[in-house]
Amino acid sequence: MKKLINDPSAYVDEMLDGLVAAQPSLRRDGTAGRVVRRAAGIRPGKVGIASGGGSGHLPLFTGYVGPGLLDTCAIGNVFEGPNAASCMDAIRLADGGRGVLRLYGNYGGDRMNFDMAGEMLEDEGVETTTVLGTDDIASGTPDDIGRRRGVAGIVYAYKAAGASAEAGADLGEVTRVAAKAVAATRTIGVALAPCRLPAAREPSFTLGDDEIEMGMGIHGEPGIWRDKLKPADAIADEMVDRLLADLPAPDGRVSVLVNGLGATPLEELFILYRRVAERLGSLGLSIHRPLVGNFVTSMEMAGASISLFHLDDELAALLDAPAECPFWRVG
C-alpha cells in the first residue's frame, strides 16, 4: 500500500493543519493542538457538545464540528483515542455556561480519558453529561448493549443532539435526545480488504482476495463470519435482515446511511442502497432523508456499513433541522 505522507509521526498534525486551512469554519486549539472547534467559538448560553476519538476515520470525528452538530472535538493518533488533556480542552472550549454533553463512541480508552476529564472539570464548575454511541450490532448482543461499539450510526446522535442544543434546550434535554437517537440506531458493516496504519509495515488484518468478513469493526475487530465474496444484493439482504431483527422499525419510518469505509467506490455504495431501498419498501417501511457516502471511514479499508435510524416525529424533525459542517449540510 502506498500513502501520500511525510513523516508518519507527523501524520495527524499535518492532516489537522490541512483540514483547518481548507475549512475556514474550523480552528485548531487546545494545549497540544489536538482539539478542533468552531471558528466562531461557543455561543454563550448554548449547551455545548464535545466529541472525540482516534484519527483515521474522517469525516469522523473532526469533520462534524459546525452549527447544528458538534462544538468541539478532541482527536488522538491514528486508531488511538485522545488523551485526557485534550478531552479537557475540548470540554472547556465547548462550555457556554449551560453545561457540556460528552458524546462519543463506546471504546475503553475514550471512556477512560473523557471520564477523567469530566471529573477533573467538576472542580472548575463545568457540568457535563455523557452519552455513548453503541450502534454496532456485531459487537454485542441485544441483551448486552453496553458492550457494543459506536460506529457510523453516531452521526445521527450528533445530528439530533446538535439540533436540540442549537434550539436552546438545556443540558438534560440535549442528553435525553442524544440517548434516544443512540437507542434508535443500529449499524452493521462488512469488510472486503484491510487498511494499513501510517507507521505499520503490514495491513491491520488480512483477507483473501475472494473473502469478505461480516460485522468487522472499523479498527479491524473480528466480525461474525468470514466467507467467500457474495453478490451485493445477498450482502445487503443479510445486513438489513440482521438490523431489523435486532430492532424492528416501530413507526414504519427510517433514515438509512450506507457508509463507505474508505476505499469502496460510491458506485458500489449506490448499488447497495438500491437493494436496501427495495427491501425496506417491500416491508412497508418508508425512507426519510437517506445518506450515501463516506461518513465514517477506516483509512483505506474496503467495505461498507449500513445504519438504520428508526424515526418518530421528534427524531425526524431533529434530523431535518438545519446543520452545516465541512462534510454534511442539511437545510
C-alpha atoms as a PDB file:
ATOM      1  CA  MET A   1       0.000   0.000   0.000  1.00  0.00           C
ATOM      2  CA  LYS A   2       1.279   3.443  -0.919  1.00  0.00           C
ATOM      3  CA  LYS A   3       0.499   6.570   1.115  1.00  0.00           C
ATOM      4  CA  LEU A   4       0.912  10.286   0.459  1.00  0.00           C
ATOM      5  CA  ILE A   5       2.663  11.124   3.718  1.00  0.00           C
ATOM      6  CA  ASN A   6       5.843  12.687   5.036  1.00  0.00           C
ATOM      7  CA  ASP A   7       6.964  11.542   8.490  1.00  0.00           C
ATOM      8  CA  PRO A   8       4.436   9.012   9.881  1.00  0.00           C
ATOM      9  CA  SER A   9       4.792  10.624  13.314  1.00  0.00           C
ATOM     10  CA  ALA A  10       3.514  13.918  11.845  1.00  0.00           C
ATOM     11  CA  TYR A  11       0.531  12.322  10.101  1.00  0.00           C
ATOM     12  CA  VAL A  12      -2.231  13.575  12.401  1.00  0.00           C
ATOM     13  CA  ASP A  13      -0.880  17.074  12.959  1.00  0.00           C
ATOM     14  CA  GLU A  14      -0.238  17.670   9.262  1.00  0.00           C
ATOM     15  CA  MET A  15      -3.711  16.376   8.470  1.00  0.00           C
ATOM     16  CA  LEU A  16      -5.260  18.748  11.030  1.00  0.00           C
ATOM     17  CA  ASP A  17      -3.252  21.667   9.624  1.00  0.00           C
ATOM     18  CA  GLY A  18      -4.588  20.897   6.162  1.00  0.00           C
ATOM     19  CA  LEU A  19      -8.142  20.408   7.389  1.00  0.00           C
ATOM     20  CA  VAL A  20      -8.402  23.796   9.104  1.00  0.00           C
ATOM     21  CA  ALA A  21      -6.544  25.530   6.268  1.00  0.00           C
ATOM     22  CA  ALA A  22      -9.128  24.205   3.809  1.00  0.00           C
ATOM     23  CA  GLN A  23     -12.123  24.849   6.087  1.00  0.00           C
ATOM     24  CA  PRO A  24     -12.395  28.425   7.402  1.00  0.00           C
ATOM     25  CA  SER A  25     -15.215  27.350   9.743  1.00  0.00           C
ATOM     26  CA  LEU A  26     -12.757  25.286  11.822  1.00  0.00           C
ATOM     27  CA  ARG A  27      -9.858  26.105  14.139  1.00  0.00           C
ATOM     28  CA  ARG A  28      -7.197  24.013  15.863  1.00  0.00           C
ATOM     29  CA  ASP A  29      -6.985  24.676  19.575  1.00  0.00           C
ATOM     30  CA  GLY A  30      -6.004  23.103  22.879  1.00  0.00           C
ATOM     31  CA  THR A  31      -2.673  22.816  24.658  1.00  0.00           C
ATOM     32  CA  ALA A  32      -1.344  20.248  22.190  1.00  0.00           C
ATOM     33  CA  GLY A  33      -3.345  21.489  19.208  1.00  0.00           C
ATOM     34  CA  ARG A  34      -5.436  18.322  19.248  1.00  0.00           C
ATOM     35  CA  VAL A  35      -8.853  19.975  19.506  1.00  0.00           C
ATOM     36  CA  VAL A  36     -10.876  21.159  16.534  1.00  0.00           C
ATOM     37  CA  ARG A  37     -13.553  23.737  17.343  1.00  0.00           C
ATOM     38  CA  ARG A  38     -15.920  26.075  15.558  1.00  0.00           C
ATOM     39  CA  ALA A  39     -14.067  29.179  14.366  1.00  0.00           C
ATOM     40  CA  ALA A  40     -16.788  31.375  15.873  1.00  0.00           C
ATOM     41  CA  GLY A  41     -16.446  29.706  19.272  1.00  0.00           C
ATOM     42  CA  ILE A  42     -19.225  28.581  21.575  1.00  0.00           C
ATOM     43  CA  ARG A  43     -22.341  30.746  21.719  1.00  0.00           C
ATOM     44  CA  PRO A  44     -22.879  31.955  25.295  1.00  0.00           C
ATOM     45  CA  GLY A  45     -25.895  30.282  26.850  1.00  0.00           C
ATOM     46  CA  LYS A  46     -25.898  27.289  24.478  1.00  0.00           C
ATOM     47  CA  VAL A  47     -25.340  23.751  25.698  1.00  0.00           C
ATOM     48  CA  GLY A  48     -22.041  22.536  24.274  1.00  0.00           C
ATOM     49  CA  ILE A  49     -21.413  19.189  22.599  1.00  0.00           C
ATOM     50  CA  ALA A  50     -17.895  17.744  22.690  1.00  0.00           C
ATOM     51  CA  SER A  51     -16.823  14.542  20.991  1.00  0.00           C
ATOM     52  CA  GLY A  52     -13.569  12.831  20.180  1.00  0.00           C
ATOM     53  CA  GLY A  53     -11.753   9.709  19.136  1.00  0.00           C
ATOM     54  CA  GLY A  54      -8.833   8.414  17.165  1.00  0.00           C
ATOM     55  CA  SER A  55      -7.713   9.763  13.808  1.00  0.00           C
ATOM     56  CA  GLY A  56      -8.078   7.697  10.655  1.00  0.00           C
ATOM     57  CA  HIS A  57     -11.870   7.887  10.362  1.00  0.00           C
ATOM     58  CA  LEU A  58     -12.592  11.165   8.543  1.00  0.00           C
ATOM     59  CA  PRO A  59     -15.129  12.701   8.319  1.00  0.00           C
ATOM     60  CA  LEU A  60     -15.488  11.308  11.868  1.00  0.00           C
ATOM     61  CA  PHE A  61     -14.687  12.912  14.279  1.00  0.00           C
ATOM     62  CA  THR A  62     -13.390  16.376  13.492  1.00  0.00           C
ATOM     63  CA  GLY A  63     -15.416  16.741  10.303  1.00  0.00           C
ATOM     64  CA  TYR A  64     -18.700  17.074  12.201  1.00  0.00           C
ATOM     65  CA  VAL A  65     -17.845  20.299  14.022  1.00  0.00           C
ATOM     66  CA  GLY A  66     -20.279  23.000  12.966  1.00  0.00           C
ATOM     67  CA  PRO A  67     -23.677  24.646  13.572  1.00  0.00           C
ATOM     68  CA  GLY A  68     -26.354  22.120  14.428  1.00  0.00           C
ATOM     69  CA  LEU A  69     -23.753  19.430  15.170  1.00  0.00           C
ATOM     70  CA  LEU A  70     -20.629  19.414  17.388  1.00  0.00           C
ATOM     71  CA  ASP A  71     -18.948  22.376  19.045  1.00  0.00           C
ATOM     72  CA  THR A  72     -15.573  20.745  19.643  1.00  0.00           C
ATOM     73  CA  CYS A  73     -13.738  17.510  19.025  1.00  0.00           C
ATOM     74  CA  ALA A  74     -10.615  16.048  20.628  1.00  0.00           C
ATOM     75  CA  ILE A  75      -8.533  13.902  18.298  1.00  0.00           C
ATOM     76  CA  GLY A  76      -5.936  11.244  19.055  1.00  0.00           C
ATOM     77  CA  ASN A  77      -3.359   9.438  16.980  1.00  0.00           C
ATOM     78  CA  VAL A  78      -4.479   7.004  14.297  1.00  0.00           C
ATOM     79  CA  PHE A  79      -6.852   4.476  15.892  1.00  0.00           C
ATOM     80  CA  GLU A  80      -5.947   5.819  19.347  1.00  0.00           C
ATOM     81  CA  GLY A  81      -8.284   7.877  21.494  1.00  0.00           C
ATOM     82  CA  PRO A  82      -7.423  11.430  22.553  1.00  0.00           C
ATOM     83  CA  ASN A  83      -5.545  11.864  25.826  1.00  0.00           C
ATOM     84  CA  ALA A  84      -7.219  13.258  28.937  1.00  0.00           C
ATOM     85  CA  ALA A  85      -5.677  16.721  28.483  1.00  0.00           C
ATOM     86  CA  SER A  86      -7.171  17.065  25.001  1.00  0.00           C
ATOM     87  CA  CYS A  87     -10.534  15.825  26.287  1.00  0.00           C
ATOM     88  CA  MET A  88     -10.414  18.520  28.982  1.00  0.00           C
ATOM     89  CA  ASP A  89      -9.549  21.148  26.373  1.00  0.00           C
ATOM     90  CA  ALA A  90     -12.459  20.054  24.179  1.00  0.00           C
ATOM     91  CA  ILE A  91     -14.928  20.246  27.072  1.00  0.00           C
ATOM     92  CA  ARG A  92     -13.680  23.656  28.234  1.00  0.00           C
ATOM     93  CA  LEU A  93     -13.891  25.069  24.704  1.00  0.00           C
ATOM     94  CA  ALA A  94     -17.454  23.760  24.346  1.00  0.00           C
ATOM     95  CA  ASP A  95     -18.662  25.313  27.608  1.00  0.00           C
ATOM     96  CA  GLY A  96     -21.003  28.234  27.046  1.00  0.00           C
ATOM     97  CA  GLY A  97     -22.199  28.308  30.622  1.00  0.00           C
ATOM     98  CA  ARG A  98     -25.023  25.758  30.396  1.00  0.00           C
ATOM     99  CA  GLY A  99     -23.023  22.549  30.535  1.00  0.00           C
ATOM    100  CA  VAL A 100     -21.475  20.184  28.015  1.00  0.00           C
ATOM    101  CA  LEU A 101     -22.630  16.856  26.621  1.00  0.00           C
ATOM    102  CA  ARG A 102     -19.778  14.409  26.033  1.00  0.00           C
ATOM    103  CA  LEU A 103     -20.934  12.351  23.037  1.00  0.00           C
ATOM    104  CA  TYR A 104     -18.510   9.734  21.715  1.00  0.00           C
ATOM    105  CA  GLY A 105     -18.108   6.048  20.846  1.00  0.00           C
ATOM    106  CA  ASN A 106     -18.052   3.208  23.336  1.00  0.00           C
ATOM    107  CA  TYR A 107     -14.314   2.430  23.367  1.00  0.00           C
ATOM    108  CA  GLY A 108     -12.287   1.795  26.514  1.00  0.00           C
ATOM    109  CA  GLY A 109      -9.607   4.447  26.060  1.00  0.00           C
ATOM    110  CA  ASP A 110     -12.103   7.122  25.056  1.00  0.00           C
ATOM    111  CA  ARG A 111     -14.303   6.354  28.060  1.00  0.00           C
ATOM    112  CA  MET A 112     -11.389   6.436  30.485  1.00  0.00           C
ATOM    113  CA  ASN A 113      -9.995   9.762  29.292  1.00  0.00           C
ATOM    114  CA  PHE A 114     -13.307  11.562  28.837  1.00  0.00           C
ATOM    115  CA  ASP A 115     -14.490  10.345  32.254  1.00  0.00           C
ATOM    116  CA  MET A 116     -11.257  11.531  33.846  1.00  0.00           C
ATOM    117  CA  ALA A 117     -11.583  14.894  32.093  1.00  0.00           C
ATOM    118  CA  GLY A 118     -15.172  15.309  33.250  1.00  0.00           C
ATOM    119  CA  GLU A 119     -14.302  14.532  36.857  1.00  0.00           C
ATOM    120  CA  MET A 120     -11.400  16.991  36.862  1.00  0.00           C
ATOM    121  CA  LEU A 121     -13.526  19.757  35.333  1.00  0.00           C
ATOM    122  CA  GLU A 122     -16.178  19.383  38.006  1.00  0.00           C
ATOM    123  CA  ASP A 123     -13.778  21.288  40.268  1.00  0.00           C
ATOM    124  CA  GLU A 124     -13.898  24.151  37.736  1.00  0.00           C
ATOM    125  CA  GLY A 125     -17.685  24.202  37.878  1.00  0.00           C
ATOM    126  CA  VAL A 126     -18.237  22.728  34.408  1.00  0.00           C
ATOM    127  CA  GLU A 127     -21.318  20.492  34.367  1.00  0.00           C
ATOM    128  CA  THR A 128     -21.116  17.546  31.971  1.00  0.00           C
ATOM    129  CA  THR A 129     -23.158  14.526  30.963  1.00  0.00           C
ATOM    130  CA  THR A 130     -22.202  11.524  28.825  1.00  0.00           C
ATOM    131  CA  VAL A 131     -23.897   9.569  26.046  1.00  0.00           C
ATOM    132  CA  LEU A 132     -22.038   6.732  24.324  1.00  0.00           C
ATOM    133  CA  GLY A 133     -22.574   5.553  20.762  1.00  0.00           C
ATOM    134  CA  THR A 134     -23.418   1.826  20.823  1.00  0.00           C
ATOM    135  CA  ASP A 135     -24.907   1.119  17.391  1.00  0.00           C
ATOM    136  CA  ASP A 136     -22.670  -1.759  16.159  1.00  0.00           C
ATOM    137  CA  ILE A 137     -24.833  -4.879  16.456  1.00  0.00           C
ATOM    138  CA  ALA A 138     -21.921  -7.201  15.631  1.00  0.00           C
ATOM    139  CA  SER A 139     -20.052  -6.280  18.813  1.00  0.00           C
ATOM    140  CA  GLY A 140     -22.606  -7.284  21.438  1.00  0.00           C
ATOM    141  CA  THR A 141     -25.957  -8.976  21.888  1.00  0.00           C
ATOM    142  CA  PRO A 142     -29.249  -7.083  22.299  1.00  0.00           C
ATOM    143  CA  ASP A 143     -29.143  -8.061  25.974  1.00  0.00           C
ATOM    144  CA  ASP A 144     -25.657  -6.591  26.412  1.00  0.00           C
ATOM    145  CA  ILE A 145     -25.765  -3.305  24.502  1.00  0.00           C
ATOM    146  CA  GLY A 146     -23.165  -1.849  26.867  1.00  0.00           C
ATOM    147  CA  ARG A 147     -20.541  -3.950  25.065  1.00  0.00           C
ATOM    148  CA  ARG A 148     -21.404  -2.545  21.653  1.00  0.00           C
ATOM    149  CA  ARG A 149     -19.061  -0.194  19.837  1.00  0.00           C
ATOM    150  CA  GLY A 150     -20.047   3.148  18.379  1.00  0.00           C
ATOM    151  CA  VAL A 151     -19.622   3.270  14.610  1.00  0.00           C
ATOM    152  CA  ALA A 152     -21.244   5.162  11.716  1.00  0.00           C
ATOM    153  CA  GLY A 153     -24.633   5.494  13.378  1.00  0.00           C
ATOM    154  CA  ILE A 154     -23.213   8.001  15.861  1.00  0.00           C
ATOM    155  CA  VAL A 155     -23.636  10.731  13.228  1.00  0.00           C
ATOM    156  CA  TYR A 156     -27.393  10.505  13.818  1.00  0.00           C
ATOM    157  CA  ALA A 157     -26.826  11.195  17.514  1.00  0.00           C
ATOM    158  CA  TYR A 158     -24.609  14.156  16.584  1.00  0.00           C
ATOM    159  CA  LYS A 159     -27.389  15.495  14.381  1.00  0.00           C
ATOM    160  CA  ALA A 160     -30.216  15.056  16.890  1.00  0.00           C
ATOM    161  CA  ALA A 161     -28.285  16.392  19.878  1.00  0.00           C
ATOM    162  CA  GLY A 162     -26.839  19.254  17.837  1.00  0.00           C
ATOM    163  CA  ALA A 163     -30.281  20.348  16.655  1.00  0.00           C
ATOM    164  CA  SER A 164     -31.622  20.234  20.205  1.00  0.00           C
ATOM    165  CA  ALA A 165     -28.722  22.307  21.559  1.00  0.00           C
ATOM    166  CA  GLU A 166     -28.971  24.815  18.715  1.00  0.00           C
ATOM    167  CA  ALA A 167     -32.666  25.311  19.526  1.00  0.00           C
ATOM    168  CA  GLY A 168     -31.792  26.305  23.103  1.00  0.00           C
ATOM    169  CA  ALA A 169     -32.596  23.124  25.023  1.00  0.00           C
ATOM    170  CA  ASP A 170     -30.979  22.618  28.428  1.00  0.00           C
ATOM    171  CA  LEU A 171     -28.331  20.003  29.173  1.00  0.00           C
ATOM    172  CA  GLY A 172     -30.794  17.423  30.440  1.00  0.00           C
ATOM    173  CA  GLU A 173     -32.918  17.687  27.299  1.00  0.00           C
ATOM    174  CA  VAL A 174     -29.936  17.565  24.916  1.00  0.00           C
ATOM    175  CA  THR A 175     -28.687  14.488  26.766  1.00  0.00           C
ATOM    176  CA  ARG A 176     -32.103  12.816  26.553  1.00  0.00           C
ATOM    177  CA  VAL A 177     -32.312  13.452  22.823  1.00  0.00           C
ATOM    178  CA  ALA A 178     -28.815  12.075  22.211  1.00  0.00           C
ATOM    179  CA  ALA A 179     -29.594   8.915  24.195  1.00  0.00           C
ATOM    180  CA  LYS A 180     -32.883   8.490  22.313  1.00  0.00           C
ATOM    181  CA  ALA A 181     -31.080   8.779  18.973  1.00  0.00           C
ATOM    182  CA  VAL A 182     -28.483   6.194  20.015  1.00  0.00           C
ATOM    183  CA  ALA A 183     -31.215   3.806  21.165  1.00  0.00           C
ATOM    184  CA  ALA A 184     -32.973   4.188  17.804  1.00  0.00           C
ATOM    185  CA  THR A 185     -29.898   3.417  15.672  1.00  0.00           C
ATOM    186  CA  ARG A 186     -28.414   0.114  14.554  1.00  0.00           C
ATOM    187  CA  THR A 187     -25.380  -0.491  12.292  1.00  0.00           C
ATOM    188  CA  ILE A 188     -23.551  -3.436  10.763  1.00  0.00           C
ATOM    189  CA  GLY A 189     -20.505  -3.400   8.495  1.00  0.00           C
ATOM    190  CA  VAL A 190     -18.791  -5.670   6.008  1.00  0.00           C
ATOM    191  CA  ALA A 191     -15.075  -5.595   5.154  1.00  0.00           C
ATOM    192  CA  LEU A 192     -13.593  -6.522   1.785  1.00  0.00           C
ATOM    193  CA  ALA A 193      -9.938  -5.509   2.248  1.00  0.00           C
ATOM    194  CA  PRO A 194      -7.742  -4.153   5.060  1.00  0.00           C
ATOM    195  CA  CYS A 195      -6.136  -0.813   5.761  1.00  0.00           C
ATOM    196  CA  ARG A 196      -2.603  -0.048   6.901  1.00  0.00           C
ATOM    197  CA  LEU A 197      -1.665   2.454   9.580  1.00  0.00           C
ATOM    198  CA  PRO A 198       0.889   5.115   8.516  1.00  0.00           C
ATOM    199  CA  ALA A 199       3.796   3.670  10.519  1.00  0.00           C
ATOM    200  CA  ALA A 200       2.901  -0.012  10.027  1.00  0.00           C
ATOM    201  CA  ARG A 201       4.713  -2.374   7.689  1.00  0.00           C
ATOM    202  CA  GLU A 202       1.752  -4.741   7.404  1.00  0.00           C
ATOM    203  CA  PRO A 203      -2.020  -4.307   6.965  1.00  0.00           C
ATOM    204  CA  SER A 204      -4.139  -4.202  10.109  1.00  0.00           C
ATOM    205  CA  PHE A 205      -5.641  -7.598   9.213  1.00  0.00           C
ATOM    206  CA  THR A 206      -5.669  -9.986   6.273  1.00  0.00           C
ATOM    207  CA  LEU A 207      -8.485 -11.087   3.982  1.00  0.00           C
ATOM    208  CA  GLY A 208      -8.145 -13.328   0.959  1.00  0.00           C
ATOM    209  CA  ASP A 209      -8.761 -11.773  -2.452  1.00  0.00           C
ATOM    210  CA  ASP A 210     -12.064 -13.657  -2.652  1.00  0.00           C
ATOM    211  CA  GLU A 211     -13.098 -13.225   1.011  1.00  0.00           C
ATOM    212  CA  ILE A 212     -15.284 -10.845   2.995  1.00  0.00           C
ATOM    213  CA  GLU A 213     -15.964 -10.547   6.723  1.00  0.00           C
ATOM    214  CA  MET A 214     -19.406  -9.633   8.012  1.00  0.00           C
ATOM    215  CA  GLY A 215     -19.527  -7.476  11.134  1.00  0.00           C
ATOM    216  CA  MET A 216     -15.862  -6.440  11.248  1.00  0.00           C
ATOM    217  CA  GLY A 217     -15.253  -3.279  13.272  1.00  0.00           C
ATOM    218  CA  ILE A 218     -13.735  -0.047  11.990  1.00  0.00           C
ATOM    219  CA  HIS A 219     -10.373  -0.909  13.558  1.00  0.00           C
ATOM    220  CA  GLY A 220     -10.372  -4.473  12.254  1.00  0.00           C
ATOM    221  CA  GLU A 221     -12.146  -6.004  15.265  1.00  0.00           C
ATOM    222  CA  PRO A 222     -13.374  -9.550  14.488  1.00  0.00           C
ATOM    223  CA  GLY A 223     -16.794  -9.883  12.918  1.00  0.00           C
ATOM    224  CA  ILE A 224     -19.499 -12.551  12.782  1.00  0.00           C
ATOM    225  CA  TRP A 225     -18.331 -14.705   9.896  1.00  0.00           C
ATOM    226  CA  ARG A 226     -15.755 -14.842   7.114  1.00  0.00           C
ATOM    227  CA  ASP A 227     -16.633 -16.400   3.772  1.00  0.00           C
ATOM    228  CA  LYS A 228     -16.301 -16.066   0.019  1.00  0.00           C
ATOM    229  CA  LEU A 229     -17.417 -12.842  -1.667  1.00  0.00           C
ATOM    230  CA  LYS A 230     -21.139 -12.791  -2.444  1.00  0.00           C
ATOM    231  CA  PRO A 231     -23.253 -10.650  -4.801  1.00  0.00           C
ATOM    232  CA  ALA A 232     -24.075  -7.183  -3.484  1.00  0.00           C
ATOM    233  CA  ASP A 233     -27.784  -7.970  -3.180  1.00  0.00           C
ATOM    234  CA  ALA A 234     -27.120 -11.003  -0.973  1.00  0.00           C
ATOM    235  CA  ILE A 235     -24.826  -8.956   1.277  1.00  0.00           C
ATOM    236  CA  ALA A 236     -27.351  -6.113   1.546  1.00  0.00           C
ATOM    237  CA  ASP A 237     -30.177  -8.560   2.305  1.00  0.00           C
ATOM    238  CA  GLU A 238     -28.311 -10.142   5.186  1.00  0.00           C
ATOM    239  CA  MET A 239     -27.317  -6.775   6.622  1.00  0.00           C
ATOM    240  CA  VAL A 240     -30.896  -5.466   6.519  1.00  0.00           C
ATOM    241  CA  ASP A 241     -32.252  -8.708   8.000  1.00  0.00           C
ATOM    242  CA  ARG A 242     -29.780  -8.555  10.882  1.00  0.00           C
ATOM    243  CA  LEU A 243     -30.520  -4.882  11.573  1.00  0.00           C
ATOM    244  CA  LEU A 244     -34.299  -5.330  11.629  1.00  0.00           C
ATOM    245  CA  ALA A 245     -34.062  -8.486  13.716  1.00  0.00           C
ATOM    246  CA  ASP A 246     -32.128  -6.509  16.317  1.00  0.00           C
ATOM    247  CA  LEU A 247     -34.542  -3.554  16.360  1.00  0.00           C
ATOM    248  CA  PRO A 248     -37.724  -3.596  14.257  1.00  0.00           C
ATOM    249  CA  ALA A 249     -38.949  -0.234  12.980  1.00  0.00           C
ATOM    250  CA  PRO A 250     -41.760   0.683  15.398  1.00  0.00           C
ATOM    251  CA  ASP A 251     -43.191   3.631  13.447  1.00  0.00           C
ATOM    252  CA  GLY A 252     -42.581   2.490   9.883  1.00  0.00           C
ATOM    253  CA  ARG A 253     -40.066   5.281   9.125  1.00  0.00           C
ATOM    254  CA  VAL A 254     -36.301   5.040   8.942  1.00  0.00           C
ATOM    255  CA  SER A 255     -33.349   7.015   7.732  1.00  0.00           C
ATOM    256  CA  VAL A 256     -30.741   4.865   6.003  1.00  0.00           C
ATOM    257  CA  LEU A 257     -26.995   5.510   5.988  1.00  0.00           C
ATOM    258  CA  VAL A 258     -24.961   3.465   3.501  1.00  0.00           C
ATOM    259  CA  ASN A 259     -21.438   4.351   4.533  1.00  0.00           C
ATOM    260  CA  GLY A 260     -18.179   3.678   2.735  1.00  0.00           C
ATOM    261  CA  LEU A 261     -15.197   2.601   4.807  1.00  0.00           C
ATOM    262  CA  GLY A 262     -12.641   4.475   2.720  1.00  0.00           C
ATOM    263  CA  ALA A 263     -11.768   2.570  -0.451  1.00  0.00           C
ATOM    264  CA  THR A 264     -15.126   1.445  -1.822  1.00  0.00           C
ATOM    265  CA  PRO A 265     -16.348   3.461  -4.840  1.00  0.00           C
ATOM    266  CA  LEU A 266     -19.527   5.486  -4.490  1.00  0.00           C
ATOM    267  CA  GLU A 267     -20.956   3.491  -7.387  1.00  0.00           C
ATOM    268  CA  GLU A 268     -20.864   0.348  -5.228  1.00  0.00           C
ATOM    269  CA  LEU A 269     -22.456   2.159  -2.297  1.00  0.00           C
ATOM    270  CA  PHE A 270     -25.360   3.144  -4.542  1.00  0.00           C
ATOM    271  CA  ILE A 271     -25.693  -0.463  -5.706  1.00  0.00           C
ATOM    272  CA  LEU A 272     -26.067  -1.421  -2.035  1.00  0.00           C
ATOM    273  CA  TYR A 273     -28.512   1.409  -1.340  1.00  0.00           C
ATOM    274  CA  ARG A 274     -30.640   0.368  -4.316  1.00  0.00           C
ATOM    275  CA  ARG A 275     -31.149  -3.065  -2.768  1.00  0.00           C
ATOM    276  CA  VAL A 276     -31.648  -1.712   0.762  1.00  0.00           C
ATOM    277  CA  ALA A 277     -34.378   0.629  -0.507  1.00  0.00           C
ATOM    278  CA  GLU A 278     -36.072  -2.236  -2.343  1.00  0.00           C
ATOM    279  CA  ARG A 279     -36.040  -4.452   0.734  1.00  0.00           C
ATOM    280  CA  LEU A 280     -37.295  -1.792   3.118  1.00  0.00           C
ATOM    281  CA  GLY A 281     -40.017  -0.775   0.682  1.00  0.00           C
ATOM    282  CA  SER A 282     -41.179  -4.390   0.362  1.00  0.00           C
ATOM    283  CA  LEU A 283     -41.550  -4.451   4.161  1.00  0.00           C
ATOM    284  CA  GLY A 284     -43.701  -1.334   4.161  1.00  0.00           C
ATOM    285  CA  LEU A 285     -41.001   0.936   5.582  1.00  0.00           C
ATOM    286  CA  SER A 286     -40.591   4.465   4.274  1.00  0.00           C
ATOM    287  CA  ILE A 287     -37.143   6.046   3.993  1.00  0.00           C
ATOM    288  CA  HIS A 288     -36.624   9.616   5.153  1.00  0.00           C
ATOM    289  CA  ARG A 289     -33.527  11.640   4.246  1.00  0.00           C
ATOM    290  CA  PRO A 290     -31.215   8.785   3.122  1.00  0.00           C
ATOM    291  CA  LEU A 291     -27.440   9.224   3.288  1.00  0.00           C
ATOM    292  CA  VAL A 292     -24.969   7.537   0.918  1.00  0.00           C
ATOM    293  CA  GLY A 293     -21.253   8.253   1.021  1.00  0.00           C
ATOM    294  CA  ASN A 294     -18.175   8.261   3.236  1.00  0.00           C
ATOM    295  CA  PHE A 295     -19.365   9.386   6.670  1.00  0.00           C
ATOM    296  CA  VAL A 296     -17.143   7.223   8.929  1.00  0.00           C
ATOM    297  CA  THR A 297     -14.113   5.604   7.322  1.00  0.00           C
ATOM    298  CA  SER A 298     -11.230   3.379   8.354  1.00  0.00           C
ATOM    299  CA  MET A 299      -8.252   4.709   6.391  1.00  0.00           C
ATOM    300  CA  GLU A 300      -8.340   2.823   3.067  1.00  0.00           C
ATOM    301  CA  MET A 301     -10.323  -0.188   4.274  1.00  0.00           C
ATOM    302  CA  ALA A 302     -12.607  -1.507   1.536  1.00  0.00           C
ATOM    303  CA  GLY A 303     -16.152  -2.256   2.576  1.00  0.00           C
ATOM    304  CA  ALA A 304     -19.301  -0.582   3.792  1.00  0.00           C
ATOM    305  CA  SER A 305     -21.690  -0.303   6.684  1.00  0.00           C
ATOM    306  CA  ILE A 306     -25.443   0.139   6.780  1.00  0.00           C
ATOM    307  CA  SER A 307     -27.187   2.064   9.560  1.00  0.00           C
ATOM    308  CA  LEU A 308     -30.916   2.287  10.211  1.00  0.00           C
ATOM    309  CA  PHE A 309     -32.184   5.218  12.272  1.00  0.00           C
ATOM    310  CA  HIS A 310     -35.736   4.496  13.442  1.00  0.00           C
ATOM    311  CA  LEU A 311     -37.770   7.692  13.385  1.00  0.00           C
ATOM    312  CA  ASP A 312     -40.710   9.179  15.210  1.00  0.00           C
ATOM    313  CA  ASP A 313     -41.957  12.736  14.760  1.00  0.00           C
ATOM    314  CA  GLU A 314     -39.421  14.151  17.227  1.00  0.00           C
ATOM    315  CA  LEU A 315     -36.371  12.455  15.724  1.00  0.00           C
ATOM    316  CA  ALA A 316     -37.490  13.205  12.159  1.00  0.00           C
ATOM    317  CA  ALA A 317     -37.765  16.911  12.992  1.00  0.00           C
ATOM    318  CA  LEU A 318     -34.313  16.925  14.591  1.00  0.00           C
ATOM    319  CA  LEU A 319     -32.861  15.163  11.546  1.00  0.00           C
ATOM    320  CA  ASP A 320     -34.438  17.794   9.280  1.00  0.00           C
ATOM    321  CA  ALA A 321     -33.195  20.785  11.307  1.00  0.00           C
ATOM    322  CA  PRO A 322     -30.527  22.952   9.630  1.00  0.00           C
ATOM    323  CA  ALA A 323     -26.897  21.950  10.175  1.00  0.00           C
ATOM    324  CA  GLU A 324     -23.611  22.552   8.443  1.00  0.00           C
ATOM    325  CA  CYS A 325     -20.127  21.119   8.704  1.00  0.00           C
ATOM    326  CA  PRO A 326     -17.377  20.562   6.126  1.00  0.00           C
ATOM    327  CA  PHE A 327     -18.779  17.178   5.052  1.00  0.00           C
ATOM    328  CA  TRP A 328     -22.557  17.371   5.640  1.00  0.00           C
ATOM    329  CA  ARG A 329     -25.123  20.117   5.148  1.00  0.00           C
ATOM    330  CA  VAL A 330     -28.820  19.969   5.978  1.00  0.00           C
ATOM    331  CA  GLY A 331     -31.224  22.767   5.028  1.00  0.00           C
END
